[in-house]
C-alpha cells in the first residue's frame, strides 16, 4: 500500500516471502527479508542519513537501506528534520461565515473568559 508519490516505503497488505519479485512502476523489487502483513519495506535504496517518508511525511532517518529490505529499528533512526516555525510569517485574520456566528457547543465558561469542554473516559479492564 502506497499513499503518496514521494513515499520511499510501502506497507505490506499480506505476507511477502523472501526473494519474491514485486513490480512497482515498471521496476522489479526483490524482497530481501520476510515482510509480514502491516510491515514496511523499502521501494528504493536509501543512503545513510536520508529522511524516510511514508504517506508523504518523514518518520525517520535511514542508517542505509537497500531496496526490498524490511524497515525496522535496525535500519532507521528516530530522527526527524528540524522545522523552523518562525519562518511561516504572520497568521492572517480569520473570516467567519455569517451562518456559523450564532452556533454554540456543549461546554462551560472559565473564570479567565476562555471556555472548555468536559472529557469522559471509559476504562475497559482486559
PDB file of N, CA and C in Angstrom:
ATOM      1  N   UNK A   1       0.850  -1.163   0.000  1.00  0.00           N
ATOM      2  CA  UNK A   1       0.000   0.000   0.000  1.00  0.00           C
ATOM      3  C   UNK A   1       0.902   1.235   0.000  1.00  0.00           C
ATOM      4  N   UNK A   2       0.698   2.109  -0.973  1.00  0.00           N
ATOM      5  CA  UNK A   2       1.492   3.326  -1.115  1.00  0.00           C
ATOM      6  C   UNK A   2       0.508   4.479  -1.264  1.00  0.00           C
ATOM      7  N   UNK A   3       0.688   5.532  -0.480  1.00  0.00           N
ATOM      8  CA  UNK A   3      -0.288   6.618  -0.497  1.00  0.00           C
ATOM      9  C   UNK A   3       0.209   7.919  -1.103  1.00  0.00           C
ATOM     10  N   UNK A   4       1.479   8.078  -1.362  1.00  0.00           N
ATOM     11  CA  UNK A   4       1.984   9.337  -1.918  1.00  0.00           C
ATOM     12  C   UNK A   4       3.136   9.048  -2.874  1.00  0.00           C
ATOM     13  N   UNK A   5       3.275   9.882  -3.892  1.00  0.00           N
ATOM     14  CA  UNK A   5       4.337   9.698  -4.881  1.00  0.00           C
ATOM     15  C   UNK A   5       5.728   9.821  -4.279  1.00  0.00           C
ATOM     16  N   UNK A   6       5.862  10.541  -3.166  1.00  0.00           N
ATOM     17  CA  UNK A   6       7.174  10.740  -2.550  1.00  0.00           C
ATOM     18  C   UNK A   6       7.544   9.636  -1.562  1.00  0.00           C
ATOM     19  N   UNK A   7       6.629   8.700  -1.321  1.00  0.00           N
ATOM     20  CA  UNK A   7       6.916   7.617  -0.375  1.00  0.00           C
ATOM     21  C   UNK A   7       8.097   6.769  -0.849  1.00  0.00           C
ATOM     22  N   UNK A   8       8.973   6.426   0.101  1.00  0.00           N
ATOM     23  CA  UNK A   8      10.099   5.541  -0.191  1.00  0.00           C
ATOM     24  C   UNK A   8       9.841   4.142   0.340  1.00  0.00           C
ATOM     25  N   UNK A   9       8.737   3.987   1.059  1.00  0.00           N
ATOM     26  CA  UNK A   9       8.387   2.700   1.645  1.00  0.00           C
ATOM     27  C   UNK A   9       6.939   2.373   1.293  1.00  0.00           C
ATOM     28  N   UNK A  10       6.611   1.094   1.411  1.00  0.00           N
ATOM     29  CA  UNK A  10       5.239   0.632   1.233  1.00  0.00           C
ATOM     30  C   UNK A  10       4.897  -0.248   2.423  1.00  0.00           C
ATOM     31  N   UNK A  11       3.613  -0.435   2.650  1.00  0.00           N
ATOM     32  CA  UNK A  11       3.139  -1.297   3.722  1.00  0.00           C
ATOM     33  C   UNK A  11       2.559  -2.549   3.083  1.00  0.00           C
ATOM     34  N   UNK A  12       2.986  -3.707   3.566  1.00  0.00           N
ATOM     35  CA  UNK A  12       2.516  -4.981   3.019  1.00  0.00           C
ATOM     36  C   UNK A  12       1.079  -5.242   3.447  1.00  0.00           C
ATOM     37  N   UNK A  13       0.217  -5.539   2.479  1.00  0.00           N
ATOM     38  CA  UNK A  13      -1.175  -5.872   2.791  1.00  0.00           C
ATOM     39  C   UNK A  13      -1.318  -7.354   3.132  1.00  0.00           C
ATOM     40  N   UNK A  14      -0.280  -8.129   2.794  1.00  0.00           N
ATOM     41  CA  UNK A  14      -0.235  -9.547   3.162  1.00  0.00           C
ATOM     42  C   UNK A  14       1.231  -9.941   3.272  1.00  0.00           C
ATOM     43  N   UNK A  15       1.509 -11.103   3.831  1.00  0.00           N
ATOM     44  CA  UNK A  15       2.897 -11.558   3.976  1.00  0.00           C
ATOM     45  C   UNK A  15       3.565 -11.663   2.609  1.00  0.00           C
ATOM     46  N   UNK A  16       4.837 -11.225   2.538  1.00  0.00           N
ATOM     47  CA  UNK A  16       5.618 -11.314   1.296  1.00  0.00           C
ATOM     48  C   UNK A  16       6.867 -12.132   1.606  1.00  0.00           C
ATOM     49  N   UNK A  17       7.058 -13.269   0.925  1.00  0.00           N
ATOM     50  CA  UNK A  17       8.210 -14.127   1.230  1.00  0.00           C
ATOM     51  C   UNK A  17       9.532 -13.565   0.699  1.00  0.00           C
ATOM     52  N   UNK A  18      10.628 -14.053   1.261  1.00  0.00           N
ATOM     53  CA  UNK A  18      11.974 -13.690   0.816  1.00  0.00           C
ATOM     54  C   UNK A  18      12.138 -14.086  -0.653  1.00  0.00           C
ATOM     55  N   UNK A  19      12.850 -13.272  -1.428  1.00  0.00           N
ATOM     56  CA  UNK A  19      13.146 -13.467  -2.851  1.00  0.00           C
ATOM     57  C   UNK A  19      11.941 -13.278  -3.769  1.00  0.00           C
ATOM     58  N   UNK A  20      10.812 -12.842  -3.241  1.00  0.00           N
ATOM     59  CA  UNK A  20       9.642 -12.567  -4.076  1.00  0.00           C
ATOM     60  C   UNK A  20       9.960 -11.371  -4.964  1.00  0.00           C
ATOM     61  N   UNK A  21       9.597 -11.447  -6.245  1.00  0.00           N
ATOM     62  CA  UNK A  21       9.810 -10.338  -7.175  1.00  0.00           C
ATOM     63  C   UNK A  21       8.523  -9.536  -7.282  1.00  0.00           C
ATOM     64  N   UNK A  22       8.628  -8.277  -6.911  1.00  0.00           N
ATOM     65  CA  UNK A  22       7.488  -7.375  -6.892  1.00  0.00           C
ATOM     66  C   UNK A  22       7.705  -6.333  -7.976  1.00  0.00           C
ATOM     67  N   UNK A  23       6.681  -6.019  -8.742  1.00  0.00           N
ATOM     68  CA  UNK A  23       6.814  -4.982  -9.765  1.00  0.00           C
ATOM     69  C   UNK A  23       6.179  -3.695  -9.252  1.00  0.00           C
ATOM     70  N   UNK A  24       6.958  -2.618  -9.319  1.00  0.00           N
ATOM     71  CA  UNK A  24       6.495  -1.307  -8.894  1.00  0.00           C
ATOM     72  C   UNK A  24       6.986  -0.275  -9.894  1.00  0.00           C
ATOM     73  N   UNK A  25       6.062   0.416 -10.547  1.00  0.00           N
ATOM     74  CA  UNK A  25       6.398   1.432 -11.559  1.00  0.00           C
ATOM     75  C   UNK A  25       7.363   0.896 -12.607  1.00  0.00           C
ATOM     76  N   UNK A  26       7.022  -0.229 -13.171  1.00  0.00           N
ATOM     77  CA  UNK A  26       7.808  -0.887 -14.224  1.00  0.00           C
ATOM     78  C   UNK A  26       9.201  -1.293 -13.766  1.00  0.00           C
ATOM     79  N   UNK A  27       9.416  -1.401 -12.481  1.00  0.00           N
ATOM     80  CA  UNK A  27      10.706  -1.792 -11.936  1.00  0.00           C
ATOM     81  C   UNK A  27      10.508  -3.007 -11.034  1.00  0.00           C
ATOM     82  N   UNK A  28      11.465  -3.921 -11.039  1.00  0.00           N
ATOM     83  CA  UNK A  28      11.388  -5.113 -10.197  1.00  0.00           C
ATOM     84  C   UNK A  28      12.050  -4.842  -8.844  1.00  0.00           C
ATOM     85  N   UNK A  29      11.384  -5.263  -7.788  1.00  0.00           N
ATOM     86  CA  UNK A  29      11.928  -5.170  -6.439  1.00  0.00           C
ATOM     87  C   UNK A  29      12.009  -6.586  -5.896  1.00  0.00           C
ATOM     88  N   UNK A  30      13.242  -7.038  -5.587  1.00  0.00           N
ATOM     89  CA  UNK A  30      13.423  -8.352  -4.993  1.00  0.00           C
ATOM     90  C   UNK A  30      13.367  -8.197  -3.477  1.00  0.00           C
ATOM     91  N   UNK A  31      12.406  -8.854  -2.853  1.00  0.00           N
ATOM     92  CA  UNK A  31      12.220  -8.758  -1.406  1.00  0.00           C
ATOM     93  C   UNK A  31      13.353  -9.512  -0.711  1.00  0.00           C
ATOM     94  N   UNK A  32      14.063  -8.823   0.183  1.00  0.00           N
ATOM     95  CA  UNK A  32      15.258  -9.381   0.820  1.00  0.00           C
ATOM     96  C   UNK A  32      14.996 -10.014   2.188  1.00  0.00           C
ATOM     97  N   UNK A  33      13.867  -9.685   2.805  1.00  0.00           N
ATOM     98  CA  UNK A  33      13.510 -10.212   4.126  1.00  0.00           C
ATOM     99  C   UNK A  33      12.052 -10.665   4.076  1.00  0.00           C
ATOM    100  N   UNK A  34      11.659 -11.499   5.017  1.00  0.00           N
ATOM    101  CA  UNK A  34      10.244 -11.822   5.151  1.00  0.00           C
ATOM    102  C   UNK A  34       9.531 -10.550   5.611  1.00  0.00           C
ATOM    103  N   UNK A  35       8.561 -10.117   4.841  1.00  0.00           N
ATOM    104  CA  UNK A  35       7.782  -8.931   5.173  1.00  0.00           C
ATOM    105  C   UNK A  35       6.398  -9.421   5.588  1.00  0.00           C
ATOM    106  N   UNK A  36       6.068  -9.217   6.839  1.00  0.00           N
ATOM    107  CA  UNK A  36       4.763  -9.657   7.319  1.00  0.00           C
ATOM    108  C   UNK A  36       3.714  -8.581   7.101  1.00  0.00           C
ATOM    109  N   UNK A  37       2.471  -9.010   7.041  1.00  0.00           N
ATOM    110  CA  UNK A  37       1.350  -8.097   6.837  1.00  0.00           C
ATOM    111  C   UNK A  37       1.449  -6.923   7.816  1.00  0.00           C
ATOM    112  N   UNK A  38       1.358  -5.704   7.272  1.00  0.00           N
ATOM    113  CA  UNK A  38       1.413  -4.500   8.093  1.00  0.00           C
ATOM    114  C   UNK A  38       2.803  -3.917   8.269  1.00  0.00           C
ATOM    115  N   UNK A  39       3.844  -4.654   7.851  1.00  0.00           N
ATOM    116  CA  UNK A  39       5.214  -4.129   7.987  1.00  0.00           C
ATOM    117  C   UNK A  39       5.581  -3.291   6.761  1.00  0.00           C
ATOM    118  N   UNK A  40       6.548  -2.394   6.959  1.00  0.00           N
ATOM    119  CA  UNK A  40       7.050  -1.544   5.877  1.00  0.00           C
ATOM    120  C   UNK A  40       8.246  -2.206   5.207  1.00  0.00           C
ATOM    121  N   UNK A  41       8.421  -1.893   3.919  1.00  0.00           N
ATOM    122  CA  UNK A  41       9.625  -2.317   3.197  1.00  0.00           C
ATOM    123  C   UNK A  41      10.029  -1.214   2.228  1.00  0.00           C
ATOM    124  N   UNK A  42      11.313  -1.212   1.866  1.00  0.00           N
ATOM    125  CA  UNK A  42      11.874  -0.139   1.042  1.00  0.00           C
ATOM    126  C   UNK A  42      11.537  -0.333  -0.435  1.00  0.00           C
ATOM    127  N   UNK A  43      11.105   0.754  -1.080  1.00  0.00           N
ATOM    128  CA  UNK A  43      10.816   0.739  -2.511  1.00  0.00           C
ATOM    129  C   UNK A  43      12.038   1.108  -3.344  1.00  0.00           C
ATOM    130  N   UNK A  44      13.033   1.687  -2.681  1.00  0.00           N
ATOM    131  CA  UNK A  44      14.287   2.057  -3.363  1.00  0.00           C
ATOM    132  C   UNK A  44      15.400   2.099  -2.332  1.00  0.00           C
ATOM    133  N   UNK A  45      16.646   2.136  -2.809  1.00  0.00           N
ATOM    134  CA  UNK A  45      17.785   2.270  -1.911  1.00  0.00           C
ATOM    135  C   UNK A  45      17.738   3.641  -1.241  1.00  0.00           C
ATOM    136  N   UNK A  46      18.116   3.668   0.036  1.00  0.00           N
ATOM    137  CA  UNK A  46      18.166   4.937   0.775  1.00  0.00           C
ATOM    138  C   UNK A  46      19.520   5.040   1.456  1.00  0.00           C
ATOM    139  N   UNK A  47      20.215   6.114   1.169  1.00  0.00           N
ATOM    140  CA  UNK A  47      21.545   6.314   1.739  1.00  0.00           C
ATOM    141  C   UNK A  47      21.451   6.620   3.233  1.00  0.00           C
ATOM    142  N   UNK A  48      22.559   6.380   3.931  1.00  0.00           N
ATOM    143  CA  UNK A  48      22.635   6.700   5.352  1.00  0.00           C
ATOM    144  C   UNK A  48      22.403   8.202   5.526  1.00  0.00           C
ATOM    145  N   UNK A  49      21.527   8.555   6.467  1.00  0.00           N
ATOM    146  CA  UNK A  49      21.229   9.951   6.741  1.00  0.00           C
ATOM    147  C   UNK A  49      20.040  10.504   5.984  1.00  0.00           C
ATOM    148  N   UNK A  50      19.545   9.770   4.996  1.00  0.00           N
ATOM    149  CA  UNK A  50      18.400  10.231   4.208  1.00  0.00           C
ATOM    150  C   UNK A  50      17.116  10.086   5.031  1.00  0.00           C
ATOM    151  N   UNK A  51      16.248  11.095   4.972  1.00  0.00           N
ATOM    152  CA  UNK A  51      14.979  11.018   5.678  1.00  0.00           C
ATOM    153  C   UNK A  51      14.030  10.106   4.905  1.00  0.00           C
ATOM    154  N   UNK A  52      13.231   9.337   5.641  1.00  0.00           N
ATOM    155  CA  UNK A  52      12.342   8.339   5.059  1.00  0.00           C
ATOM    156  C   UNK A  52      10.901   8.828   5.175  1.00  0.00           C
ATOM    157  N   UNK A  53      10.154   8.730   4.054  1.00  0.00           N
ATOM    158  CA  UNK A  53       8.775   9.206   4.023  1.00  0.00           C
ATOM    159  C   UNK A  53       7.778   8.062   3.850  1.00  0.00           C
ATOM    160  N   UNK A  54       6.658   8.214   4.567  1.00  0.00           N
ATOM    161  CA  UNK A  54       5.511   7.335   4.393  1.00  0.00           C
ATOM    162  C   UNK A  54       4.280   8.216   4.472  1.00  0.00           C
ATOM    163  N   UNK A  55       3.319   7.998   3.583  1.00  0.00           N
ATOM    164  CA  UNK A  55       2.120   8.832   3.487  1.00  0.00           C
ATOM    165  C   UNK A  55       2.500  10.298   3.262  1.00  0.00           C
ATOM    166  N   UNK A  56       3.662  10.527   2.636  1.00  0.00           N
ATOM    167  CA  UNK A  56       4.107  11.875   2.343  1.00  0.00           C
ATOM    168  C   UNK A  56       4.813  12.586   3.484  1.00  0.00           C
ATOM    169  N   UNK A  57       4.960  11.927   4.644  1.00  0.00           N
ATOM    170  CA  UNK A  57       5.551  12.566   5.819  1.00  0.00           C
ATOM    171  C   UNK A  57       6.782  11.800   6.305  1.00  0.00           C
ATOM    172  N   UNK A  58       7.776  12.546   6.770  1.00  0.00           N
ATOM    173  CA  UNK A  58       9.003  11.946   7.291  1.00  0.00           C
ATOM    174  C   UNK A  58       8.708  11.250   8.613  1.00  0.00           C
ATOM    175  N   UNK A  59       9.209  10.012   8.771  1.00  0.00           N
ATOM    176  CA  UNK A  59       9.025   9.306  10.041  1.00  0.00           C
ATOM    177  C   UNK A  59      10.332   8.812  10.646  1.00  0.00           C
ATOM    178  N   UNK A  60      11.452   8.989   9.950  1.00  0.00           N
ATOM    179  CA  UNK A  60      12.724   8.547  10.488  1.00  0.00           C
ATOM    180  C   UNK A  60      13.859   8.850   9.527  1.00  0.00           C
ATOM    181  N   UNK A  61      15.051   8.430   9.922  1.00  0.00           N
ATOM    182  CA  UNK A  61      16.250   8.662   9.119  1.00  0.00           C
ATOM    183  C   UNK A  61      16.938   7.329   8.863  1.00  0.00           C
ATOM    184  N   UNK A  62      17.348   7.110   7.635  1.00  0.00           N
ATOM    185  CA  UNK A  62      17.947   5.849   7.216  1.00  0.00           C
ATOM    186  C   UNK A  62      19.354   5.659   7.786  1.00  0.00           C
ATOM    187  N   UNK A  63      19.648   4.411   8.161  1.00  0.00           N
ATOM    188  CA  UNK A  63      21.017   4.023   8.523  1.00  0.00           C
ATOM    189  C   UNK A  63      21.701   3.377   7.328  1.00  0.00           C
ATOM    190  N   UNK A  64      21.032   3.406   6.170  1.00  0.00           N
ATOM    191  CA  UNK A  64      21.494   2.737   4.957  1.00  0.00           C
ATOM    192  C   UNK A  64      20.584   1.547   4.699  1.00  0.00           C
ATOM    193  N   UNK A  65      19.666   1.688   3.748  1.00  0.00           N
ATOM    194  CA  UNK A  65      18.658   0.665   3.489  1.00  0.00           C
ATOM    195  C   UNK A  65      18.666   0.327   1.999  1.00  0.00           C
ATOM    196  N   UNK A  66      18.595  -0.960   1.697  1.00  0.00           N
ATOM    197  CA  UNK A  66      18.533  -1.410   0.312  1.00  0.00           C
ATOM    198  C   UNK A  66      17.088  -1.666  -0.100  1.00  0.00           C
ATOM    199  N   UNK A  67      16.828  -1.460  -1.378  1.00  0.00           N
ATOM    200  CA  UNK A  67      15.508  -1.718  -1.938  1.00  0.00           C
ATOM    201  C   UNK A  67      15.088  -3.156  -1.624  1.00  0.00           C
ATOM    202  N   UNK A  68      13.861  -3.318  -1.111  1.00  0.00           N
ATOM    203  CA  UNK A  68      13.350  -4.647  -0.800  1.00  0.00           C
ATOM    204  C   UNK A  68      13.577  -5.095   0.630  1.00  0.00           C
ATOM    205  N   UNK A  69      14.307  -4.300   1.410  1.00  0.00           N
ATOM    206  CA  UNK A  69      14.561  -4.663   2.809  1.00  0.00           C
ATOM    207  C   UNK A  69      13.396  -4.252   3.706  1.00  0.00           C
ATOM    208  N   UNK A  70      13.232  -5.007   4.780  1.00  0.00           N
ATOM    209  CA  UNK A  70      12.283  -4.679   5.830  1.00  0.00           C
ATOM    210  C   UNK A  70      12.726  -3.379   6.503  1.00  0.00           C
ATOM    211  N   UNK A  71      11.787  -2.490   6.790  1.00  0.00           N
ATOM    212  CA  UNK A  71      12.084  -1.271   7.538  1.00  0.00           C
ATOM    213  C   UNK A  71      11.853  -1.601   9.010  1.00  0.00           C
ATOM    214  N   UNK A  72      12.911  -1.451   9.819  1.00  0.00           N
ATOM    215  CA  UNK A  72      12.807  -1.782  11.245  1.00  0.00           C
ATOM    216  C   UNK A  72      13.732  -0.868  12.039  1.00  0.00           C
ATOM    217  N   UNK A  73      13.705  -1.023  13.353  1.00  0.00           N
ATOM    218  CA  UNK A  73      14.575  -0.200  14.189  1.00  0.00           C
ATOM    219  C   UNK A  73      16.053  -0.504  13.948  1.00  0.00           C
ATOM    220  N   UNK A  74      16.351  -1.609  13.280  1.00  0.00           N
ATOM    221  CA  UNK A  74      17.737  -1.957  12.975  1.00  0.00           C
ATOM    222  C   UNK A  74      18.316  -1.064  11.867  1.00  0.00           C
ATOM    223  N   UNK A  75      17.454  -0.517  10.987  1.00  0.00           N
ATOM    224  CA  UNK A  75      17.985   0.260   9.872  1.00  0.00           C
ATOM    225  C   UNK A  75      17.440   1.689   9.780  1.00  0.00           C
ATOM    226  N   UNK A  76      16.736   2.141  10.814  1.00  0.00           N
ATOM    227  CA  UNK A  76      16.317   3.546  10.854  1.00  0.00           C
ATOM    228  C   UNK A  76      16.630   4.156  12.216  1.00  0.00           C
ATOM    229  N   UNK A  77      16.740   5.471  12.224  1.00  0.00           N
ATOM    230  CA  UNK A  77      16.917   6.215  13.472  1.00  0.00           C
ATOM    231  C   UNK A  77      15.674   7.080  13.678  1.00  0.00           C
ATOM    232  N   UNK A  78      15.314   7.263  14.910  1.00  0.00           N
ATOM    233  CA  UNK A  78      14.152   8.076  15.245  1.00  0.00           C
ATOM    234  C   UNK A  78      14.553   9.553  15.249  1.00  0.00           C
ATOM    235  N   UNK A  79      14.903  10.058  14.073  1.00  0.00           N
ATOM    236  CA  UNK A  79      15.327  11.456  13.916  1.00  0.00           C
ATOM    237  C   UNK A  79      14.449  12.096  12.847  1.00  0.00           C
ATOM    238  N   UNK A  80      13.920  13.265  13.150  1.00  0.00           N
ATOM    239  CA  UNK A  80      13.084  13.995  12.210  1.00  0.00           C
ATOM    240  C   UNK A  80      13.771  15.301  11.843  1.00  0.00           C
ATOM    241  N   UNK A  81      13.466  15.851  10.656  1.00  0.00           N
ATOM    242  CA  UNK A  81      14.108  17.113  10.269  1.00  0.00           C
ATOM    243  C   UNK A  81      13.668  18.250  11.174  1.00  0.00           C
ATOM    244  N   UNK A  82      14.566  19.216  11.355  1.00  0.00           N
ATOM    245  CA  UNK A  82      14.252  20.380  12.169  1.00  0.00           C
ATOM    246  C   UNK A  82      13.309  21.289  11.396  1.00  0.00           C
ATOM    247  N   UNK A  83      12.286  21.778  12.075  1.00  0.00           N
ATOM    248  CA  UNK A  83      11.313  22.675  11.463  1.00  0.00           C
ATOM    249  C   UNK A  83      11.393  24.014  12.172  1.00  0.00           C
ATOM    250  N   UNK A  84      11.547  25.060  11.417  1.00  0.00           N
ATOM    251  CA  UNK A  84      11.613  26.404  11.993  1.00  0.00           C
ATOM    252  C   UNK A  84      10.245  27.058  11.848  1.00  0.00           C
ATOM    253  N   UNK A  85       9.537  27.142  12.946  1.00  0.00           N
ATOM    254  CA  UNK A  85       8.178  27.673  12.903  1.00  0.00           C
ATOM    255  C   UNK A  85       8.134  29.177  12.700  1.00  0.00           C
ATOM    256  N   UNK A  86       9.199  29.880  13.017  1.00  0.00           N
ATOM    257  CA  UNK A  86       9.214  31.332  12.879  1.00  0.00           C
ATOM    258  C   UNK A  86       9.277  31.814  11.447  1.00  0.00           C
ATOM    259  N   UNK A  87       9.505  30.946  10.494  1.00  0.00           N
ATOM    260  CA  UNK A  87       9.653  31.345   9.100  1.00  0.00           C
ATOM    261  C   UNK A  87       8.338  31.346   8.328  1.00  0.00           C
ATOM    262  N   UNK A  88       7.228  31.102   9.000  1.00  0.00           N
ATOM    263  CA  UNK A  88       5.962  30.976   8.296  1.00  0.00           C
ATOM    264  C   UNK A  88       5.240  32.299   8.109  1.00  0.00           C
ATOM    265  N   UNK A  89       5.692  33.356   8.757  1.00  0.00           N
ATOM    266  CA  UNK A  89       5.060  34.648   8.608  1.00  0.00           C
ATOM    267  C   UNK A  89       3.881  34.826   9.548  1.00  0.00           C
ATOM    268  N   UNK A  90       3.286  36.008   9.473  1.00  0.00           N
ATOM    269  CA  UNK A  90       2.167  36.345  10.350  1.00  0.00           C
ATOM    270  C   UNK A  90       0.906  35.623   9.886  1.00  0.00           C
ATOM    271  N   UNK A  91       0.137  35.142  10.859  1.00  0.00           N
ATOM    272  CA  UNK A  91      -1.114  34.476  10.561  1.00  0.00           C
ATOM    273  C   UNK A  91      -2.146  35.508  10.136  1.00  0.00           C
ATOM    274  N   UNK A  92      -2.915  35.204   9.114  1.00  0.00           N
ATOM    275  CA  UNK A  92      -3.936  36.120   8.621  1.00  0.00           C
ATOM    276  C   UNK A  92      -5.163  36.138   9.522  1.00  0.00           C
ATOM    277  N   UNK A  93      -6.036  37.086   9.268  1.00  0.00           N
ATOM    278  CA  UNK A  93      -7.284  37.199  10.022  1.00  0.00           C
ATOM    279  C   UNK A  93      -8.225  36.083   9.618  1.00  0.00           C
ATOM    280  N   UNK A  94      -8.975  35.587  10.589  1.00  0.00           N
ATOM    281  CA  UNK A  94      -9.959  34.545  10.323  1.00  0.00           C
ATOM    282  C   UNK A  94     -11.279  35.185   9.914  1.00  0.00           C
ATOM    283  N   UNK A  95     -11.829  34.718   8.810  1.00  0.00           N
ATOM    284  CA  UNK A  95     -13.133  35.212   8.372  1.00  0.00           C
ATOM    285  C   UNK A  95     -14.182  34.184   8.769  1.00  0.00           C
ATOM    286  N   UNK A  96     -15.240  34.645   9.430  1.00  0.00           N
ATOM    287  CA  UNK A  96     -16.307  33.758   9.872  1.00  0.00           C
ATOM    288  C   UNK A  96     -17.506  33.906   8.946  1.00  0.00           C
ATOM    289  N   UNK A  97     -18.071  32.792   8.547  1.00  0.00           N
ATOM    290  CA  UNK A  97     -19.283  32.833   7.735  1.00  0.00           C
ATOM    291  C   UNK A  97     -20.455  33.206   8.630  1.00  0.00           C
ATOM    292  N   UNK A  98     -21.313  34.052   8.114  1.00  0.00           N
ATOM    293  CA  UNK A  98     -22.467  34.555   8.860  1.00  0.00           C
ATOM    294  C   UNK A  98     -23.323  33.413   9.421  1.00  0.00           C
ATOM    295  N   UNK A  99     -23.483  32.356   8.672  1.00  0.00           N
ATOM    296  CA  UNK A  99     -24.350  31.244   9.090  1.00  0.00           C
ATOM    297  C   UNK A  99     -23.825  30.498  10.323  1.00  0.00           C
ATOM    298  N   UNK A 100     -22.524  30.675  10.649  1.00  0.00           N
ATOM    299  CA  UNK A 100     -21.947  29.977  11.794  1.00  0.00           C
ATOM    300  C   UNK A 100     -21.747  30.858  13.036  1.00  0.00           C
ATOM    301  N   UNK A 101     -22.029  32.134  12.940  1.00  0.00           N
ATOM    302  CA  UNK A 101     -21.744  33.060  14.036  1.00  0.00           C
ATOM    303  C   UNK A 101     -22.544  32.793  15.301  1.00  0.00           C
ATOM    304  N   UNK A 102     -23.748  32.283  15.196  1.00  0.00           N
ATOM    305  CA  UNK A 102     -24.593  32.058  16.365  1.00  0.00           C
ATOM    306  C   UNK A 102     -24.583  30.609  16.837  1.00  0.00           C
ATOM    307  N   UNK A 103     -23.654  29.802  16.354  1.00  0.00           N
ATOM    308  CA  UNK A 103     -23.576  28.402  16.778  1.00  0.00           C
ATOM    309  C   UNK A 103     -22.979  28.317  18.175  1.00  0.00           C
ATOM    310  N   UNK A 104     -23.404  27.308  18.927  1.00  0.00           N
ATOM    311  CA  UNK A 104     -22.877  27.084  20.269  1.00  0.00           C
ATOM    312  C   UNK A 104     -22.422  25.640  20.400  1.00  0.00           C
ATOM    313  N   UNK A 105     -21.799  25.322  21.521  1.00  0.00           N
ATOM    314  CA  UNK A 105     -21.384  23.957  21.785  1.00  0.00           C
ATOM    315  C   UNK A 105     -21.622  23.662  23.255  1.00  0.00           C
ATOM    316  N   UNK A 106     -21.609  22.395  23.606  1.00  0.00           N
ATOM    317  CA  UNK A 106     -21.866  21.985  24.978  1.00  0.00           C
ATOM    318  C   UNK A 106     -20.570  22.088  25.777  1.00  0.00           C
ATOM    319  N   UNK A 107     -20.299  23.262  26.311  1.00  0.00           N
ATOM    320  CA  UNK A 107     -19.082  23.484  27.074  1.00  0.00           C
ATOM    321  C   UNK A 107     -19.382  24.336  28.292  1.00  0.00           C
ATOM    322  N   UNK A 108     -18.356  24.891  28.896  1.00  0.00           N
ATOM    323  CA  UNK A 108     -18.528  25.731  30.077  1.00  0.00           C
ATOM    324  C   UNK A 108     -17.545  26.896  30.015  1.00  0.00           C
ATOM    325  N   UNK A 109     -17.934  27.981  30.658  1.00  0.00           N
ATOM    326  CA  UNK A 109     -17.076  29.152  30.715  1.00  0.00           C
ATOM    327  C   UNK A 109     -16.125  29.080  31.896  1.00  0.00           C
ATOM    328  N   UNK A 110     -14.886  29.532  31.692  1.00  0.00           N
ATOM    329  CA  UNK A 110     -13.893  29.578  32.768  1.00  0.00           C
ATOM    330  C   UNK A 110     -13.801  30.994  33.320  1.00  0.00           C
ATOM    331  N   UNK A 111     -13.210  31.123  34.506  1.00  0.00           N
ATOM    332  CA  UNK A 111     -13.083  32.433  35.165  1.00  0.00           C
ATOM    333  C   UNK A 111     -12.254  33.411  34.330  1.00  0.00           C
ATOM    334  N   UNK A 112     -11.303  32.897  33.544  1.00  0.00           N
ATOM    335  CA  UNK A 112     -10.436  33.774  32.750  1.00  0.00           C
ATOM    336  C   UNK A 112     -11.064  34.183  31.411  1.00  0.00           C
ATOM    337  N   UNK A 113     -12.325  33.774  31.183  1.00  0.00           N
ATOM    338  CA  UNK A 113     -13.011  34.156  29.951  1.00  0.00           C
ATOM    339  C   UNK A 113     -12.912  33.131  28.841  1.00  0.00           C
ATOM    340  N   UNK A 114     -12.032  32.147  28.992  1.00  0.00           N
ATOM    341  CA  UNK A 114     -11.916  31.087  27.988  1.00  0.00           C
ATOM    342  C   UNK A 114     -12.988  30.039  28.242  1.00  0.00           C
ATOM    343  N   UNK A 115     -13.098  29.097  27.353  1.00  0.00           N
ATOM    344  CA  UNK A 115     -14.094  28.036  27.502  1.00  0.00           C
ATOM    345  C   UNK A 115     -13.411  26.677  27.487  1.00  0.00           C
ATOM    346  N   UNK A 116     -14.138  25.676  27.932  1.00  0.00           N
ATOM    347  CA  UNK A 116     -13.615  24.314  27.930  1.00  0.00           C
ATOM    348  C   UNK A 116     -14.727  23.317  27.674  1.00  0.00           C
ATOM    349  N   UNK A 117     -14.353  22.083  27.463  1.00  0.00           N
ATOM    350  CA  UNK A 117     -15.320  21.002  27.284  1.00  0.00           C
ATOM    351  C   UNK A 117     -15.030  19.920  28.300  1.00  0.00           C
ATOM    352  N   UNK A 118     -16.014  19.126  28.587  1.00  0.00           N
ATOM    353  CA  UNK A 118     -15.828  18.018  29.513  1.00  0.00           C
ATOM    354  C   UNK A 118     -15.420  16.781  28.723  1.00  0.00           C
ATOM    355  N   UNK A 119     -14.448  16.077  29.254  1.00  0.00           N
ATOM    356  CA  UNK A 119     -13.985  14.832  28.629  1.00  0.00           C
ATOM    357  C   UNK A 119     -14.451  13.658  29.472  1.00  0.00           C
ATOM    358  N   UNK A 120     -14.904  12.646  28.816  1.00  0.00           N
ATOM    359  CA  UNK A 120     -15.329  11.432  29.503  1.00  0.00           C
ATOM    360  C   UNK A 120     -14.414  10.295  29.080  1.00  0.00           C
ATOM    361  N   UNK A 121     -13.998   9.485  30.028  1.00  0.00           N
ATOM    362  CA  UNK A 121     -13.116   8.360  29.763  1.00  0.00           C
ATOM    363  C   UNK A 121     -13.816   7.060  30.109  1.00  0.00           C
ATOM    364  N   UNK A 122     -13.630   6.069  29.300  1.00  0.00           N
ATOM    365  CA  UNK A 122     -14.163   4.741  29.542  1.00  0.00           C
ATOM    366  C   UNK A 122     -12.986   3.809  29.775  1.00  0.00           C
ATOM    367  N   UNK A 123     -12.961   3.162  30.910  1.00  0.00           N
ATOM    368  CA  UNK A 123     -11.883   2.218  31.227  1.00  0.00           C
ATOM    369  C   UNK A 123     -12.447   0.811  31.096  1.00  0.00           C
ATOM    370  N   UNK A 124     -11.813   0.049  30.213  1.00  0.00           N
ATOM    371  CA  UNK A 124     -12.250  -1.327  29.978  1.00  0.00           C
ATOM    372  C   UNK A 124     -11.168  -2.262  30.469  1.00  0.00           C
ATOM    373  N   UNK A 125     -11.438  -3.034  31.522  1.00  0.00           N
ATOM    374  CA  UNK A 125     -10.413  -3.974  32.007  1.00  0.00           C
ATOM    375  C   UNK A 125     -10.221  -5.104  31.001  1.00  0.00           C
ATOM    376  N   UNK A 126      -8.958  -5.501  30.855  1.00  0.00           N
ATOM    377  CA  UNK A 126      -8.667  -6.604  29.916  1.00  0.00           C
ATOM    378  C   UNK A 126      -8.010  -7.747  30.630  1.00  0.00           C
TER     379      UNK A 126
END
